[in-house]
Amino acid sequence: MIKKLFHRYFELIFWIAAIAALAFADPAGPAHFSLCPFKAVGFTWCPGCGLGHSISWLFHGNIANSWHAHWLGIPALGIILYRIYQLVRLKVFNKNALSAF
């Protein structure tokens, strides 16, 4: 039963957990472990690095640092929140999330 529920709501659980982790993270804290494949290979620049910090700065109310960390952080947060909204409508309320269009 739990496995079935987890399988059904996996994406929704994943996005909510990711947003919650970024909301409670300290963006000014020490560097953390990175899953970035570019960083693992030794590249110093990656197009996605800084998105997490940017979203975390947004949750802490610092838009200037958010923009400085990664300029796509603001739209990325909007897209993730919209995806969570779609999944809640589709999975929880059993309504087609795209029917509003």
C-alpha atoms as a PDB file:
ATOM      1  CA  MET A   1       0.000   0.000   0.000  1.00  0.00           C
ATOM      2  CA  ILE A   2       2.743   2.492   0.954  1.00  0.00           C
ATOM      3  CA  LYS A   3       4.777   1.473  -2.085  1.00  0.00           C
ATOM      4  CA  LYS A   4       1.765   2.106  -4.327  1.00  0.00           C
ATOM      5  CA  LEU A   5       1.122   5.528  -2.774  1.00  0.00           C
ATOM      6  CA  PHE A   6       4.804   6.445  -3.017  1.00  0.00           C
ATOM      7  CA  HIS A   7       4.885   5.387  -6.667  1.00  0.00           C
ATOM      8  CA  ARG A   8       1.742   7.385  -7.439  1.00  0.00           C
ATOM      9  CA  TYR A   9       2.873  10.577  -5.683  1.00  0.00           C
ATOM     10  CA  PHE A  10       6.643  10.302  -6.209  1.00  0.00           C
ATOM     11  CA  GLU A  11       7.074  13.434  -8.343  1.00  0.00           C
ATOM     12  CA  LEU A  12       4.882  15.511  -6.046  1.00  0.00           C
ATOM     13  CA  ILE A  13       6.761  14.305  -2.950  1.00  0.00           C
ATOM     14  CA  PHE A  14      10.090  14.939  -4.685  1.00  0.00           C
ATOM     15  CA  TRP A  15       9.325  18.557  -5.637  1.00  0.00           C
ATOM     16  CA  ILE A  16       7.818  19.439  -2.262  1.00  0.00           C
ATOM     17  CA  ALA A  17      10.816  17.920  -0.449  1.00  0.00           C
ATOM     18  CA  ALA A  18      13.250  19.752  -2.739  1.00  0.00           C
ATOM     19  CA  ILE A  19      11.517  23.105  -2.222  1.00  0.00           C
ATOM     20  CA  ALA A  20      11.343  22.534   1.547  1.00  0.00           C
ATOM     21  CA  ALA A  21      15.054  21.632   1.664  1.00  0.00           C
ATOM     22  CA  LEU A  22      15.949  24.822  -0.207  1.00  0.00           C
ATOM     23  CA  ALA A  23      13.655  26.903   2.009  1.00  0.00           C
ATOM     24  CA  PHE A  24      15.336  25.662   5.189  1.00  0.00           C
ATOM     25  CA  ALA A  25      18.899  25.635   3.830  1.00  0.00           C
ATOM     26  CA  ASP A  26      21.329  28.386   4.733  1.00  0.00           C
ATOM     27  CA  PRO A  27      22.503  29.846   1.401  1.00  0.00           C
ATOM     28  CA  ALA A  28      25.293  31.775   3.133  1.00  0.00           C
ATOM     29  CA  GLY A  29      26.595  28.665   4.862  1.00  0.00           C
ATOM     30  CA  PRO A  30      29.675  26.667   3.909  1.00  0.00           C
ATOM     31  CA  ALA A  31      29.865  24.909   0.570  1.00  0.00           C
ATOM     32  CA  HIS A  32      28.128  21.575   0.395  1.00  0.00           C
ATOM     33  CA  PHE A  33      28.493  18.394  -1.606  1.00  0.00           C
ATOM     34  CA  SER A  34      27.569  18.887  -5.238  1.00  0.00           C
ATOM     35  CA  LEU A  35      25.989  16.418  -7.649  1.00  0.00           C
ATOM     36  CA  CYS A  36      27.106  18.500 -10.609  1.00  0.00           C
ATOM     37  CA  PRO A  37      28.804  16.302 -13.231  1.00  0.00           C
ATOM     38  CA  PHE A  38      30.746  19.293 -14.609  1.00  0.00           C
ATOM     39  CA  LYS A  39      32.195  20.043 -11.173  1.00  0.00           C
ATOM     40  CA  ALA A  40      33.074  16.368 -10.689  1.00  0.00           C
ATOM     41  CA  VAL A  41      35.041  16.375 -13.957  1.00  0.00           C
ATOM     42  CA  GLY A  42      36.884  19.554 -13.002  1.00  0.00           C
ATOM     43  CA  PHE A  43      35.136  22.315 -14.926  1.00  0.00           C
ATOM     44  CA  THR A  44      34.907  25.575 -13.008  1.00  0.00           C
ATOM     45  CA  TRP A  45      31.742  26.798 -14.727  1.00  0.00           C
ATOM     46  CA  CYS A  46      28.384  25.062 -15.102  1.00  0.00           C
ATOM     47  CA  PRO A  47      25.167  26.549 -16.527  1.00  0.00           C
ATOM     48  CA  GLY A  48      23.087  25.127 -13.671  1.00  0.00           C
ATOM     49  CA  CYS A  49      25.331  25.711 -10.678  1.00  0.00           C
ATOM     50  CA  GLY A  50      23.877  28.329  -8.374  1.00  0.00           C
ATOM     51  CA  LEU A  51      20.195  27.564  -9.022  1.00  0.00           C
ATOM     52  CA  GLY A  52      19.736  25.998  -5.606  1.00  0.00           C
ATOM     53  CA  HIS A  53      21.434  28.913  -3.876  1.00  0.00           C
ATOM     54  CA  SER A  54      19.348  31.338  -5.907  1.00  0.00           C
ATOM     55  CA  ILE A  55      16.079  29.682  -4.858  1.00  0.00           C
ATOM     56  CA  SER A  56      17.238  29.478  -1.254  1.00  0.00           C
ATOM     57  CA  TRP A  57      18.081  33.192  -1.252  1.00  0.00           C
ATOM     58  CA  LEU A  58      14.573  33.866  -2.595  1.00  0.00           C
ATOM     59  CA  PHE A  59      13.019  31.986   0.312  1.00  0.00           C
ATOM     60  CA  HIS A  60      15.127  34.083   2.664  1.00  0.00           C
ATOM     61  CA  GLY A  61      13.833  37.263   1.014  1.00  0.00           C
ATOM     62  CA  ASN A  62      17.088  38.396  -0.582  1.00  0.00           C
ATOM     63  CA  ILE A  63      16.334  39.000  -4.245  1.00  0.00           C
ATOM     64  CA  ALA A  64      19.680  40.695  -4.999  1.00  0.00           C
ATOM     65  CA  ASN A  65      21.716  37.695  -3.801  1.00  0.00           C
ATOM     66  CA  SER A  66      19.282  35.387  -5.584  1.00  0.00           C
ATOM     67  CA  TRP A  67      19.895  37.207  -8.862  1.00  0.00           C
ATOM     68  CA  HIS A  68      23.649  37.181  -8.248  1.00  0.00           C
ATOM     69  CA  ALA A  69      23.702  33.419  -7.536  1.00  0.00           C
ATOM     70  CA  HIS A  70      21.826  32.567 -10.769  1.00  0.00           C
ATOM     71  CA  TRP A  71      19.537  34.741 -12.833  1.00  0.00           C
ATOM     72  CA  LEU A  72      17.241  31.812 -13.671  1.00  0.00           C
ATOM     73  CA  GLY A  73      16.453  31.108 -10.013  1.00  0.00           C
ATOM     74  CA  ILE A  74      13.343  33.295  -9.981  1.00  0.00           C
ATOM     75  CA  PRO A  75      11.737  31.726 -13.073  1.00  0.00           C
ATOM     76  CA  ALA A  76      12.848  28.247 -11.946  1.00  0.00           C
ATOM     77  CA  LEU A  77      11.037  28.674  -8.628  1.00  0.00           C
ATOM     78  CA  GLY A  78       7.914  29.790 -10.471  1.00  0.00           C
ATOM     79  CA  ILE A  79       8.067  26.790 -12.785  1.00  0.00           C
ATOM     80  CA  ILE A  80       8.576  24.346  -9.897  1.00  0.00           C
ATOM     81  CA  LEU A  81       5.711  25.867  -7.902  1.00  0.00           C
ATOM     82  CA  TYR A  82       3.461  25.689 -10.964  1.00  0.00           C
ATOM     83  CA  ARG A  83       4.411  22.019 -11.448  1.00  0.00           C
ATOM     84  CA  ILE A  84       3.531  21.307  -7.813  1.00  0.00           C
ATOM     85  CA  TYR A  85       0.167  23.026  -8.397  1.00  0.00           C
ATOM     86  CA  GLN A  86      -0.447  20.871 -11.488  1.00  0.00           C
ATOM     87  CA  LEU A  87       0.444  17.671  -9.642  1.00  0.00           C
ATOM     88  CA  VAL A  88      -1.796  18.515  -6.680  1.00  0.00           C
ATOM     89  CA  ARG A  89      -4.716  19.146  -9.032  1.00  0.00           C
ATOM     90  CA  LEU A  90      -4.040  16.011 -11.055  1.00  0.00           C
ATOM     91  CA  LYS A  91      -3.083  13.541  -8.319  1.00  0.00           C
ATOM     92  CA  VAL A  92      -4.919  14.792  -5.238  1.00  0.00           C
ATOM     93  CA  PHE A  93      -8.090  16.245  -6.693  1.00  0.00           C
ATOM     94  CA  ASN A  94      -8.178  13.947  -9.767  1.00  0.00           C
ATOM     95  CA  LYS A  95      -8.711  16.810 -12.170  1.00  0.00           C
ATOM     96  CA  ASN A  96      -6.873  17.345 -15.387  1.00  0.00           C
ATOM     97  CA  ALA A  97      -4.290  20.033 -14.616  1.00  0.00           C
ATOM     98  CA  LEU A  98      -4.243  21.178 -18.218  1.00  0.00           C
ATOM     99  CA  SER A  99      -8.012  21.586 -18.561  1.00  0.00           C
ATOM    100  CA  ALA A 100      -7.793  25.231 -17.472  1.00  0.00           C
ATOM    101  CA  PHE A 101      -6.094  26.086 -20.757  1.00  0.00           C
END
